[in-house]
Amino acid sequence: MQAAPIAFRRTVGPEDQARADLYAVLGRLYADAPGHEFLKALGSADRMPNGNGNALASAWNRLADASVAMDADAAAQEYTDLFIGVGKCEVNLHASHWIAGFMAEKPLVQLRSDLIALKITRKEAAILMEDHLSALCETMRLLVAGDVERPPATVQQQRNFLEKRLLSWAFDCCAAIEKSSLANYYRRVAELTEQFLALERESLAID
């Protein structure tokens, strides 16, 4: 009898795991509206101590509290109104739109080259384009934590990808969400995104 190979998942430190988990949460929220179970999970999540003006903790706690009160049907309608729309969305979640003004432009081509260099391939079942905010959050999660097939990326690789592919436009996108009259729950998501990316920019610049 031939023994089956065992796949070991590479472990990361608790700080990096927390970073990866938060990228995963944001990736899920931007991919589609949160369903009942996901809202329940966020609503029951531990709150962060927010003493000494911890902006990230405050943003996380506000999102968790909003998740308790949010109805899944209302969240689905808000997501559709904000990010899908009829003919044109209220807020576009693609990097190419914010950087070049049009979808599927040069920034997407450059991103795809970066992903090839990082040996990150698009899943066959993927619906979202690679420069969608959700997909970019998922890519950062993978760079931070790795998976059974790849180790975590170096700090330099994480910093380069974050600066080139997220920080150049994500704050403008989040500001547009917060200003939209259609935003309710996603205003809290945008606030958390801003605070988290700001912390990521500062922490990765130190290493």
N, C-alpha and C. Protein backbone atom coordinates (compact mmCIF):
# COMPACT_ATOMS: atom_id res chain seq x y z
N MET A 1 0.84 -1.20 0.00
CA MET A 1 0.00 0.00 0.00
C MET A 1 0.88 1.24 0.00
N GLN A 2 0.55 2.18 -0.88
CA GLN A 2 1.33 3.41 -0.97
C GLN A 2 0.69 4.49 -0.10
N ALA A 3 1.51 5.07 0.74
CA ALA A 3 0.99 6.10 1.64
C ALA A 3 0.70 7.37 0.85
N ALA A 4 -0.41 8.01 1.17
CA ALA A 4 -0.77 9.27 0.52
C ALA A 4 0.08 10.39 1.08
N PRO A 5 0.50 11.32 0.24
CA PRO A 5 1.28 12.46 0.74
C PRO A 5 0.45 13.32 1.67
N ILE A 6 1.10 13.84 2.66
CA ILE A 6 0.44 14.70 3.63
C ILE A 6 0.79 16.15 3.33
N ALA A 7 -0.22 16.99 3.20
CA ALA A 7 0.01 18.41 2.93
C ALA A 7 -0.03 19.17 4.25
N PHE A 8 1.07 19.81 4.58
CA PHE A 8 1.16 20.59 5.81
C PHE A 8 0.92 22.06 5.50
N ARG A 9 0.04 22.68 6.25
CA ARG A 9 -0.18 24.11 6.09
C ARG A 9 0.87 24.86 6.89
N ARG A 10 1.57 25.77 6.25
CA ARG A 10 2.60 26.53 6.93
C ARG A 10 1.95 27.46 7.95
N THR A 11 2.50 27.50 9.15
CA THR A 11 1.94 28.33 10.19
C THR A 11 2.56 29.72 10.13
N VAL A 12 1.79 30.71 10.54
CA VAL A 12 2.28 32.07 10.62
C VAL A 12 2.05 32.57 12.03
N GLY A 13 2.71 33.63 12.40
CA GLY A 13 2.55 34.20 13.72
C GLY A 13 1.16 34.77 13.93
N PRO A 14 0.76 34.96 15.19
CA PRO A 14 -0.59 35.45 15.47
C PRO A 14 -0.88 36.82 14.86
N GLU A 15 0.10 37.70 14.80
CA GLU A 15 -0.13 39.03 14.22
C GLU A 15 -0.42 38.93 12.73
N ASP A 16 0.40 38.14 12.03
CA ASP A 16 0.17 37.98 10.59
C ASP A 16 -1.11 37.21 10.32
N GLN A 17 -1.46 36.26 11.18
CA GLN A 17 -2.72 35.55 10.99
C GLN A 17 -3.89 36.49 11.16
N ALA A 18 -3.79 37.40 12.12
CA ALA A 18 -4.85 38.39 12.31
C ALA A 18 -4.97 39.30 11.10
N ARG A 19 -3.84 39.67 10.52
CA ARG A 19 -3.86 40.48 9.30
C ARG A 19 -4.54 39.72 8.16
N ALA A 20 -4.15 38.47 7.99
CA ALA A 20 -4.72 37.65 6.92
C ALA A 20 -6.22 37.47 7.12
N ASP A 21 -6.63 37.26 8.35
CA ASP A 21 -8.05 37.07 8.64
C ASP A 21 -8.85 38.33 8.30
N LEU A 22 -8.28 39.49 8.58
CA LEU A 22 -9.00 40.73 8.29
C LEU A 22 -9.07 40.97 6.79
N TYR A 23 -8.01 40.65 6.07
CA TYR A 23 -8.08 40.71 4.61
C TYR A 23 -9.17 39.77 4.09
N ALA A 24 -9.28 38.60 4.71
CA ALA A 24 -10.29 37.63 4.28
C ALA A 24 -11.71 38.17 4.51
N VAL A 25 -11.92 38.81 5.65
CA VAL A 25 -13.23 39.39 5.94
C VAL A 25 -13.58 40.47 4.92
N LEU A 26 -12.64 41.36 4.66
CA LEU A 26 -12.89 42.44 3.69
C LEU A 26 -13.10 41.87 2.29
N GLY A 27 -12.30 40.87 1.93
CA GLY A 27 -12.48 40.24 0.63
C GLY A 27 -13.87 39.66 0.47
N ARG A 28 -14.36 39.02 1.51
CA ARG A 28 -15.69 38.44 1.47
C ARG A 28 -16.77 39.52 1.35
N LEU A 29 -16.63 40.60 2.10
CA LEU A 29 -17.63 41.65 2.10
C LEU A 29 -17.69 42.41 0.77
N TYR A 30 -16.56 42.53 0.10
CA TYR A 30 -16.56 43.22 -1.18
C TYR A 30 -16.91 42.29 -2.34
N ALA A 31 -16.81 40.99 -2.13
CA ALA A 31 -17.16 40.04 -3.19
C ALA A 31 -18.65 39.97 -3.40
N ASP A 32 -19.41 40.06 -2.32
CA ASP A 32 -20.86 39.94 -2.39
C ASP A 32 -21.43 40.39 -1.05
N ALA A 33 -22.72 40.62 -1.03
CA ALA A 33 -23.36 41.02 0.22
C ALA A 33 -23.26 39.91 1.25
N PRO A 34 -23.11 40.25 2.52
CA PRO A 34 -23.05 39.23 3.56
C PRO A 34 -24.41 38.60 3.78
N GLY A 35 -24.45 37.28 3.84
CA GLY A 35 -25.68 36.57 4.15
C GLY A 35 -25.94 36.56 5.64
N HIS A 36 -27.03 35.91 6.02
CA HIS A 36 -27.43 35.88 7.43
C HIS A 36 -26.34 35.29 8.32
N GLU A 37 -25.74 34.17 7.91
CA GLU A 37 -24.75 33.50 8.75
C GLU A 37 -23.48 34.33 8.90
N PHE A 38 -23.09 35.01 7.82
CA PHE A 38 -21.87 35.83 7.90
C PHE A 38 -22.12 37.05 8.78
N LEU A 39 -23.29 37.66 8.65
CA LEU A 39 -23.63 38.78 9.53
C LEU A 39 -23.66 38.33 10.99
N LYS A 40 -24.20 37.15 11.22
CA LYS A 40 -24.26 36.61 12.58
C LYS A 40 -22.86 36.40 13.14
N ALA A 41 -21.97 35.86 12.29
CA ALA A 41 -20.59 35.61 12.73
C ALA A 41 -19.87 36.92 13.05
N LEU A 42 -20.04 37.93 12.20
CA LEU A 42 -19.41 39.22 12.46
C LEU A 42 -20.00 39.88 13.71
N GLY A 43 -21.30 39.77 13.85
CA GLY A 43 -21.95 40.39 14.99
C GLY A 43 -21.55 39.77 16.32
N SER A 44 -21.20 38.50 16.31
CA SER A 44 -20.82 37.81 17.54
C SER A 44 -19.30 37.77 17.75
N ALA A 45 -18.56 38.37 16.82
CA ALA A 45 -17.09 38.37 16.94
C ALA A 45 -16.65 39.21 18.13
N ASP A 46 -15.48 38.88 18.66
CA ASP A 46 -14.93 39.63 19.79
C ASP A 46 -14.69 41.08 19.39
N ARG A 47 -15.04 41.99 20.27
CA ARG A 47 -14.72 43.40 20.05
C ARG A 47 -13.26 43.66 20.43
N MET A 48 -12.66 44.65 19.77
CA MET A 48 -11.28 45.01 20.06
C MET A 48 -11.23 46.10 21.13
N PRO A 49 -10.27 46.02 22.04
CA PRO A 49 -10.09 47.13 22.99
C PRO A 49 -9.76 48.40 22.20
N ASN A 50 -10.48 49.46 22.45
CA ASN A 50 -10.27 50.67 21.64
C ASN A 50 -9.81 51.86 22.46
N GLY A 51 -9.04 51.57 23.49
CA GLY A 51 -8.47 52.66 24.27
C GLY A 51 -7.36 53.37 23.50
N ASN A 52 -6.97 54.54 23.99
CA ASN A 52 -5.89 55.33 23.39
C ASN A 52 -6.16 55.67 21.93
N GLY A 53 -7.41 55.85 21.60
CA GLY A 53 -7.73 56.30 20.24
C GLY A 53 -7.40 55.31 19.17
N ASN A 54 -7.58 54.02 19.41
CA ASN A 54 -7.29 52.98 18.43
C ASN A 54 -8.37 53.02 17.34
N ALA A 55 -8.04 53.66 16.21
CA ALA A 55 -9.02 53.87 15.15
C ALA A 55 -9.45 52.56 14.50
N LEU A 56 -8.51 51.62 14.35
CA LEU A 56 -8.86 50.33 13.74
C LEU A 56 -9.84 49.58 14.63
N ALA A 57 -9.57 49.56 15.93
CA ALA A 57 -10.47 48.87 16.86
C ALA A 57 -11.86 49.49 16.84
N SER A 58 -11.93 50.81 16.81
CA SER A 58 -13.22 51.48 16.78
C SER A 58 -13.99 51.14 15.51
N ALA A 59 -13.28 51.11 14.38
CA ALA A 59 -13.92 50.79 13.11
C ALA A 59 -14.42 49.34 13.11
N TRP A 60 -13.60 48.42 13.64
CA TRP A 60 -14.02 47.02 13.72
C TRP A 60 -15.25 46.87 14.60
N ASN A 61 -15.24 47.52 15.74
CA ASN A 61 -16.36 47.40 16.67
C ASN A 61 -17.65 47.98 16.08
N ARG A 62 -17.53 49.08 15.34
CA ARG A 62 -18.71 49.66 14.70
C ARG A 62 -19.27 48.72 13.64
N LEU A 63 -18.39 48.06 12.89
CA LEU A 63 -18.86 47.11 11.88
C LEU A 63 -19.52 45.91 12.55
N ALA A 64 -18.92 45.41 13.63
CA ALA A 64 -19.51 44.28 14.35
C ALA A 64 -20.89 44.64 14.90
N ASP A 65 -21.01 45.83 15.46
CA ASP A 65 -22.30 46.28 15.99
C ASP A 65 -23.32 46.44 14.86
N ALA A 66 -22.87 46.97 13.73
CA ALA A 66 -23.77 47.13 12.58
C ALA A 66 -24.23 45.78 12.06
N SER A 67 -23.37 44.79 12.16
CA SER A 67 -23.72 43.45 11.68
C SER A 67 -24.82 42.82 12.52
N VAL A 68 -24.87 43.18 13.80
CA VAL A 68 -25.94 42.68 14.67
C VAL A 68 -27.29 43.19 14.19
N ALA A 69 -27.30 44.46 13.79
CA ALA A 69 -28.57 45.10 13.43
C ALA A 69 -28.95 44.90 11.97
N MET A 70 -28.00 44.52 11.14
CA MET A 70 -28.24 44.49 9.69
C MET A 70 -29.02 43.25 9.27
N ASP A 71 -29.97 43.44 8.38
CA ASP A 71 -30.75 42.35 7.80
C ASP A 71 -30.09 41.90 6.50
N ALA A 72 -30.05 40.60 6.26
CA ALA A 72 -29.36 40.08 5.08
C ALA A 72 -29.99 40.58 3.78
N ASP A 73 -31.29 40.66 3.73
CA ASP A 73 -31.96 41.16 2.52
C ASP A 73 -31.62 42.62 2.28
N ALA A 74 -31.58 43.41 3.34
CA ALA A 74 -31.23 44.82 3.21
C ALA A 74 -29.77 44.96 2.76
N ALA A 75 -28.89 44.10 3.27
CA ALA A 75 -27.49 44.13 2.87
C ALA A 75 -27.34 43.79 1.39
N ALA A 76 -28.12 42.81 0.93
CA ALA A 76 -28.06 42.42 -0.48
C ALA A 76 -28.54 43.56 -1.38
N GLN A 77 -29.59 44.25 -0.96
CA GLN A 77 -30.08 45.37 -1.75
C GLN A 77 -29.07 46.51 -1.78
N GLU A 78 -28.46 46.77 -0.65
CA GLU A 78 -27.46 47.84 -0.58
C GLU A 78 -26.26 47.52 -1.47
N TYR A 79 -25.81 46.28 -1.42
CA TYR A 79 -24.67 45.88 -2.26
C TYR A 79 -25.02 46.07 -3.74
N THR A 80 -26.22 45.64 -4.12
CA THR A 80 -26.65 45.79 -5.52
C THR A 80 -26.72 47.25 -5.91
N ASP A 81 -27.31 48.07 -5.08
CA ASP A 81 -27.46 49.49 -5.39
C ASP A 81 -26.11 50.19 -5.50
N LEU A 82 -25.19 49.84 -4.62
CA LEU A 82 -23.89 50.51 -4.58
C LEU A 82 -22.94 50.03 -5.67
N PHE A 83 -22.81 48.72 -5.80
CA PHE A 83 -21.71 48.16 -6.57
C PHE A 83 -22.11 47.49 -7.89
N ILE A 84 -23.41 47.34 -8.12
CA ILE A 84 -23.87 46.72 -9.37
C ILE A 84 -24.72 47.71 -10.15
N GLY A 85 -25.81 48.16 -9.56
CA GLY A 85 -26.64 49.17 -10.19
C GLY A 85 -27.33 48.68 -11.44
N VAL A 86 -27.99 49.61 -12.11
CA VAL A 86 -28.65 49.33 -13.38
C VAL A 86 -27.94 50.13 -14.46
N GLY A 87 -27.17 49.46 -15.27
CA GLY A 87 -26.41 50.14 -16.31
C GLY A 87 -25.07 50.67 -15.82
N LYS A 88 -25.04 51.29 -14.65
CA LYS A 88 -23.81 51.84 -14.10
C LYS A 88 -23.88 51.78 -12.59
N CYS A 89 -22.79 51.35 -11.97
CA CYS A 89 -22.77 51.23 -10.52
C CYS A 89 -22.51 52.60 -9.88
N GLU A 90 -22.95 52.73 -8.65
CA GLU A 90 -22.71 53.96 -7.89
C GLU A 90 -21.23 54.10 -7.55
N VAL A 91 -20.61 53.01 -7.10
CA VAL A 91 -19.19 53.00 -6.75
C VAL A 91 -18.54 51.80 -7.41
N ASN A 92 -17.50 52.05 -8.20
CA ASN A 92 -16.80 50.99 -8.91
C ASN A 92 -15.70 50.42 -8.02
N LEU A 93 -15.63 49.11 -7.91
CA LEU A 93 -14.66 48.46 -7.03
C LEU A 93 -13.42 47.96 -7.77
N HIS A 94 -13.20 48.41 -8.99
CA HIS A 94 -12.05 47.95 -9.79
C HIS A 94 -10.95 49.01 -9.83
N ALA A 95 -9.72 48.55 -9.65
CA ALA A 95 -8.58 49.46 -9.63
C ALA A 95 -8.45 50.23 -10.94
N SER A 96 -8.66 49.57 -12.07
CA SER A 96 -8.50 50.23 -13.37
C SER A 96 -9.39 51.46 -13.50
N HIS A 97 -10.59 51.38 -12.96
CA HIS A 97 -11.51 52.52 -13.01
C HIS A 97 -10.92 53.72 -12.29
N TRP A 98 -10.36 53.49 -11.12
CA TRP A 98 -9.85 54.60 -10.31
C TRP A 98 -8.52 55.13 -10.80
N ILE A 99 -7.69 54.25 -11.35
CA ILE A 99 -6.36 54.67 -11.79
C ILE A 99 -6.36 55.20 -13.22
N ALA A 100 -7.08 54.52 -14.10
CA ALA A 100 -7.06 54.88 -15.52
C ALA A 100 -8.36 55.50 -16.01
N GLY A 101 -9.42 55.35 -15.24
CA GLY A 101 -10.70 55.92 -15.65
C GLY A 101 -11.59 54.97 -16.43
N PHE A 102 -11.07 53.81 -16.78
CA PHE A 102 -11.83 52.83 -17.56
C PHE A 102 -11.53 51.43 -17.04
N MET A 103 -12.47 50.52 -17.29
CA MET A 103 -12.29 49.13 -16.89
C MET A 103 -11.30 48.43 -17.81
N ALA A 104 -10.62 47.41 -17.27
CA ALA A 104 -9.74 46.52 -18.04
C ALA A 104 -8.69 47.30 -18.83
N GLU A 105 -8.09 48.29 -18.16
CA GLU A 105 -7.06 49.09 -18.80
C GLU A 105 -5.68 48.64 -18.35
N LYS A 106 -4.67 49.47 -18.61
CA LYS A 106 -3.27 49.14 -18.34
C LYS A 106 -3.02 48.66 -16.92
N PRO A 107 -3.65 49.26 -15.89
CA PRO A 107 -3.39 48.76 -14.54
C PRO A 107 -3.73 47.28 -14.36
N LEU A 108 -4.75 46.80 -15.06
CA LEU A 108 -5.10 45.38 -14.96
C LEU A 108 -4.03 44.53 -15.63
N VAL A 109 -3.51 44.97 -16.75
CA VAL A 109 -2.44 44.25 -17.44
C VAL A 109 -1.20 44.18 -16.55
N GLN A 110 -0.87 45.30 -15.92
CA GLN A 110 0.30 45.33 -15.03
C GLN A 110 0.09 44.42 -13.82
N LEU A 111 -1.11 44.44 -13.29
CA LEU A 111 -1.42 43.57 -12.15
C LEU A 111 -1.26 42.12 -12.53
N ARG A 112 -1.75 41.74 -13.68
CA ARG A 112 -1.63 40.35 -14.12
C ARG A 112 -0.17 39.94 -14.25
N SER A 113 0.68 40.85 -14.68
CA SER A 113 2.11 40.56 -14.76
C SER A 113 2.69 40.34 -13.37
N ASP A 114 2.25 41.16 -12.41
CA ASP A 114 2.71 40.99 -11.03
C ASP A 114 2.28 39.63 -10.48
N LEU A 115 1.07 39.24 -10.76
CA LEU A 115 0.56 37.96 -10.25
C LEU A 115 1.32 36.79 -10.84
N ILE A 116 1.68 36.90 -12.12
CA ILE A 116 2.48 35.85 -12.75
C ILE A 116 3.84 35.75 -12.07
N ALA A 117 4.45 36.91 -11.79
CA ALA A 117 5.75 36.92 -11.13
C ALA A 117 5.67 36.32 -9.73
N LEU A 118 4.54 36.51 -9.07
CA LEU A 118 4.34 35.97 -7.73
C LEU A 118 3.84 34.52 -7.75
N LYS A 119 3.65 33.99 -8.97
CA LYS A 119 3.15 32.62 -9.16
C LYS A 119 1.76 32.44 -8.54
N ILE A 120 0.92 33.46 -8.69
CA ILE A 120 -0.46 33.40 -8.24
C ILE A 120 -1.35 33.32 -9.47
N THR A 121 -2.12 32.26 -9.58
CA THR A 121 -2.94 32.05 -10.76
C THR A 121 -4.43 32.27 -10.44
N ARG A 122 -5.16 32.69 -11.43
CA ARG A 122 -6.59 32.93 -11.30
C ARG A 122 -7.32 31.58 -11.28
N LYS A 123 -8.23 31.41 -10.33
CA LYS A 123 -9.00 30.18 -10.26
C LYS A 123 -9.98 30.11 -11.42
N GLU A 124 -10.17 28.92 -11.94
CA GLU A 124 -11.07 28.75 -13.09
C GLU A 124 -12.49 29.20 -12.78
N ALA A 125 -12.92 29.02 -11.55
CA ALA A 125 -14.29 29.37 -11.18
C ALA A 125 -14.45 30.84 -10.81
N ALA A 126 -13.35 31.60 -10.83
CA ALA A 126 -13.40 32.99 -10.42
C ALA A 126 -14.29 33.81 -11.35
N ILE A 127 -15.11 34.65 -10.77
CA ILE A 127 -15.99 35.53 -11.53
C ILE A 127 -15.44 36.94 -11.58
N LEU A 128 -14.89 37.39 -10.46
CA LEU A 128 -14.39 38.75 -10.37
C LEU A 128 -13.08 38.91 -11.12
N MET A 129 -12.86 40.10 -11.67
CA MET A 129 -11.59 40.40 -12.31
C MET A 129 -10.50 40.57 -11.25
N GLU A 130 -9.26 40.39 -11.66
CA GLU A 130 -8.16 40.41 -10.70
C GLU A 130 -7.99 41.75 -9.99
N ASP A 131 -8.43 42.85 -10.61
CA ASP A 131 -8.24 44.15 -9.98
C ASP A 131 -9.46 44.59 -9.17
N HIS A 132 -10.41 43.71 -8.95
CA HIS A 132 -11.54 43.99 -8.06
C HIS A 132 -11.02 44.06 -6.63
N LEU A 133 -11.57 44.96 -5.83
CA LEU A 133 -11.10 45.13 -4.47
C LEU A 133 -11.15 43.84 -3.68
N SER A 134 -12.17 43.04 -3.88
CA SER A 134 -12.25 41.76 -3.19
C SER A 134 -11.09 40.85 -3.57
N ALA A 135 -10.80 40.75 -4.86
CA ALA A 135 -9.73 39.88 -5.33
C ALA A 135 -8.37 40.36 -4.80
N LEU A 136 -8.18 41.65 -4.73
CA LEU A 136 -6.92 42.19 -4.23
C LEU A 136 -6.76 41.93 -2.73
N CYS A 137 -7.86 42.01 -1.98
CA CYS A 137 -7.79 41.66 -0.56
C CYS A 137 -7.45 40.18 -0.40
N GLU A 138 -8.02 39.34 -1.24
CA GLU A 138 -7.72 37.91 -1.18
C GLU A 138 -6.27 37.64 -1.55
N THR A 139 -5.74 38.39 -2.51
CA THR A 139 -4.33 38.24 -2.87
C THR A 139 -3.44 38.63 -1.70
N MET A 140 -3.76 39.73 -1.03
CA MET A 140 -2.98 40.13 0.14
C MET A 140 -3.07 39.08 1.24
N ARG A 141 -4.24 38.49 1.43
CA ARG A 141 -4.37 37.42 2.42
C ARG A 141 -3.41 36.29 2.12
N LEU A 142 -3.34 35.93 0.85
CA LEU A 142 -2.45 34.84 0.43
C LEU A 142 -0.99 35.23 0.61
N LEU A 143 -0.64 36.47 0.31
CA LEU A 143 0.75 36.91 0.48
C LEU A 143 1.14 36.93 1.96
N VAL A 144 0.20 37.26 2.82
CA VAL A 144 0.50 37.35 4.25
C VAL A 144 0.60 35.97 4.89
N ALA A 145 -0.35 35.10 4.57
CA ALA A 145 -0.44 33.81 5.28
C ALA A 145 0.03 32.62 4.47
N GLY A 146 0.10 32.74 3.14
CA GLY A 146 0.43 31.59 2.33
C GLY A 146 -0.69 30.55 2.37
N ASP A 147 -0.41 29.38 1.84
CA ASP A 147 -1.36 28.27 1.92
C ASP A 147 -0.58 26.96 1.83
N VAL A 148 -1.26 25.86 1.56
CA VAL A 148 -0.58 24.56 1.56
C VAL A 148 0.42 24.44 0.41
N GLU A 149 0.28 25.30 -0.60
CA GLU A 149 1.15 25.20 -1.77
C GLU A 149 2.26 26.24 -1.79
N ARG A 150 2.16 27.27 -0.98
CA ARG A 150 3.15 28.33 -1.05
C ARG A 150 3.37 28.94 0.34
N PRO A 151 4.59 29.38 0.62
CA PRO A 151 4.85 30.04 1.90
C PRO A 151 4.38 31.49 1.85
N PRO A 152 4.29 32.15 2.98
CA PRO A 152 3.97 33.58 2.96
C PRO A 152 5.02 34.35 2.16
N ALA A 153 4.60 35.43 1.56
CA ALA A 153 5.53 36.27 0.81
C ALA A 153 6.42 37.04 1.78
N THR A 154 7.52 37.55 1.27
CA THR A 154 8.40 38.37 2.10
C THR A 154 7.71 39.70 2.40
N VAL A 155 8.21 40.37 3.42
CA VAL A 155 7.66 41.69 3.77
C VAL A 155 7.81 42.64 2.59
N GLN A 156 8.92 42.55 1.89
CA GLN A 156 9.15 43.43 0.73
C GLN A 156 8.10 43.16 -0.35
N GLN A 157 7.81 41.90 -0.61
CA GLN A 157 6.80 41.56 -1.62
C GLN A 157 5.42 42.05 -1.20
N GLN A 158 5.10 41.88 0.08
CA GLN A 158 3.82 42.37 0.59
C GLN A 158 3.72 43.87 0.45
N ARG A 159 4.78 44.56 0.82
CA ARG A 159 4.79 46.03 0.76
C ARG A 159 4.65 46.51 -0.68
N ASN A 160 5.40 45.90 -1.58
CA ASN A 160 5.35 46.31 -2.99
C ASN A 160 3.96 46.14 -3.57
N PHE A 161 3.34 45.00 -3.29
CA PHE A 161 2.02 44.74 -3.85
C PHE A 161 0.99 45.70 -3.25
N LEU A 162 1.07 45.89 -1.95
CA LEU A 162 0.13 46.79 -1.28
C LEU A 162 0.23 48.20 -1.84
N GLU A 163 1.45 48.70 -1.97
CA GLU A 163 1.64 50.07 -2.45
C GLU A 163 1.20 50.24 -3.89
N LYS A 164 1.56 49.29 -4.73
CA LYS A 164 1.27 49.41 -6.16
C LYS A 164 -0.18 49.13 -6.51
N ARG A 165 -0.79 48.15 -5.83
CA ARG A 165 -2.08 47.65 -6.29
C ARG A 165 -3.28 48.02 -5.41
N LEU A 166 -3.02 48.54 -4.21
CA LEU A 166 -4.15 48.91 -3.34
C LEU A 166 -4.09 50.36 -2.86
N LEU A 167 -2.96 50.78 -2.32
CA LEU A 167 -2.91 52.09 -1.70
C LEU A 167 -3.08 53.23 -2.70
N SER A 168 -2.80 52.98 -3.96
CA SER A 168 -2.88 54.04 -4.97
C SER A 168 -4.31 54.46 -5.29
N TRP A 169 -5.31 53.68 -4.86
CA TRP A 169 -6.69 54.00 -5.21
C TRP A 169 -7.74 53.62 -4.17
N ALA A 170 -7.44 52.71 -3.29
CA ALA A 170 -8.47 52.17 -2.39
C ALA A 170 -9.04 53.23 -1.45
N PHE A 171 -8.24 54.20 -1.02
CA PHE A 171 -8.75 55.23 -0.13
C PHE A 171 -9.80 56.10 -0.84
N ASP A 172 -9.55 56.40 -2.11
CA ASP A 172 -10.54 57.17 -2.87
C ASP A 172 -11.83 56.39 -3.03
N CYS A 173 -11.71 55.09 -3.27
CA CYS A 173 -12.88 54.23 -3.40
C CYS A 173 -13.67 54.20 -2.10
N CYS A 174 -12.98 54.05 -0.98
CA CYS A 174 -13.66 54.01 0.32
C CYS A 174 -14.34 55.34 0.62
N ALA A 175 -13.68 56.44 0.26
CA ALA A 175 -14.28 57.76 0.49
C ALA A 175 -15.56 57.91 -0.31
N ALA A 176 -15.58 57.37 -1.53
CA ALA A 176 -16.78 57.43 -2.37
C ALA A 176 -17.92 56.63 -1.75
N ILE A 177 -17.60 55.48 -1.17
CA ILE A 177 -18.62 54.67 -0.50
C ILE A 177 -19.21 55.44 0.68
N GLU A 178 -18.33 56.04 1.48
CA GLU A 178 -18.78 56.75 2.67
C GLU A 178 -19.65 57.95 2.32
N LYS A 179 -19.38 58.59 1.20
CA LYS A 179 -20.13 59.78 0.79
C LYS A 179 -21.46 59.44 0.12
N SER A 180 -21.59 58.22 -0.35
CA SER A 180 -22.80 57.85 -1.09
C SER A 180 -24.02 57.81 -0.18
N SER A 181 -25.11 58.38 -0.67
CA SER A 181 -26.37 58.34 0.08
C SER A 181 -26.96 56.94 0.12
N LEU A 182 -26.46 56.04 -0.73
CA LEU A 182 -26.95 54.67 -0.77
C LEU A 182 -26.27 53.78 0.26
N ALA A 183 -25.19 54.27 0.84
CA ALA A 183 -24.41 53.45 1.77
C ALA A 183 -24.94 53.54 3.18
N ASN A 184 -25.06 52.42 3.81
CA ASN A 184 -25.43 52.32 5.22
C ASN A 184 -24.45 51.36 5.89
N TYR A 185 -24.70 50.09 5.73
CA TYR A 185 -23.80 49.07 6.27
C TYR A 185 -22.41 49.19 5.66
N TYR A 186 -22.35 49.44 4.36
CA TYR A 186 -21.04 49.47 3.68
C TYR A 186 -20.24 50.72 4.02
N ARG A 187 -20.87 51.70 4.64
CA ARG A 187 -20.09 52.81 5.17
C ARG A 187 -19.17 52.32 6.27
N ARG A 188 -19.66 51.40 7.06
CA ARG A 188 -18.83 50.81 8.13
C ARG A 188 -17.73 49.92 7.54
N VAL A 189 -18.06 49.21 6.48
CA VAL A 189 -17.04 48.37 5.81
C VAL A 189 -15.94 49.26 5.25
N ALA A 190 -16.31 50.36 4.63
CA ALA A 190 -15.33 51.28 4.06
C ALA A 190 -14.45 51.90 5.13
N GLU A 191 -15.04 52.27 6.26
CA GLU A 191 -14.27 52.83 7.37
C GLU A 191 -13.22 51.84 7.87
N LEU A 192 -13.63 50.59 8.02
CA LEU A 192 -12.69 49.56 8.47
C LEU A 192 -11.58 49.36 7.45
N THR A 193 -11.94 49.36 6.18
CA THR A 193 -10.94 49.20 5.12
C THR A 193 -9.91 50.31 5.19
N GLU A 194 -10.36 51.54 5.32
CA GLU A 194 -9.45 52.68 5.41
C GLU A 194 -8.49 52.55 6.59
N GLN A 195 -9.03 52.26 7.75
CA GLN A 195 -8.19 52.18 8.95
C GLN A 195 -7.20 51.03 8.87
N PHE A 196 -7.65 49.91 8.34
CA PHE A 196 -6.76 48.75 8.22
C PHE A 196 -5.64 49.01 7.22
N LEU A 197 -5.97 49.56 6.05
CA LEU A 197 -4.94 49.83 5.05
C LEU A 197 -3.96 50.90 5.53
N ALA A 198 -4.46 51.87 6.29
CA ALA A 198 -3.56 52.87 6.84
C ALA A 198 -2.56 52.25 7.81
N LEU A 199 -3.05 51.33 8.64
CA LEU A 199 -2.17 50.63 9.57
C LEU A 199 -1.19 49.73 8.83
N GLU A 200 -1.66 49.06 7.78
CA GLU A 200 -0.79 48.22 6.97
C GLU A 200 0.33 49.06 6.34
N ARG A 201 -0.03 50.22 5.81
CA ARG A 201 0.97 51.10 5.20
C ARG A 201 2.04 51.50 6.20
N GLU A 202 1.62 51.83 7.42
CA GLU A 202 2.57 52.26 8.43
C GLU A 202 3.44 51.11 8.93
N SER A 203 2.82 49.96 9.20
CA SER A 203 3.55 48.83 9.77
C SER A 203 4.53 48.22 8.78
N LEU A 204 4.13 48.12 7.52
CA LEU A 204 5.02 47.53 6.52
C LEU A 204 6.15 48.49 6.16
N ALA A 205 5.94 49.78 6.33
CA ALA A 205 7.01 50.75 6.05
C ALA A 205 8.10 50.67 7.09
N ILE A 206 7.76 50.20 8.28
CA ILE A 206 8.75 50.11 9.37
C ILE A 206 9.67 48.93 9.16
N ASP A 207 9.15 47.78 8.68
CA ASP A 207 9.95 46.56 8.56
C ASP A 207 11.05 46.69 7.51
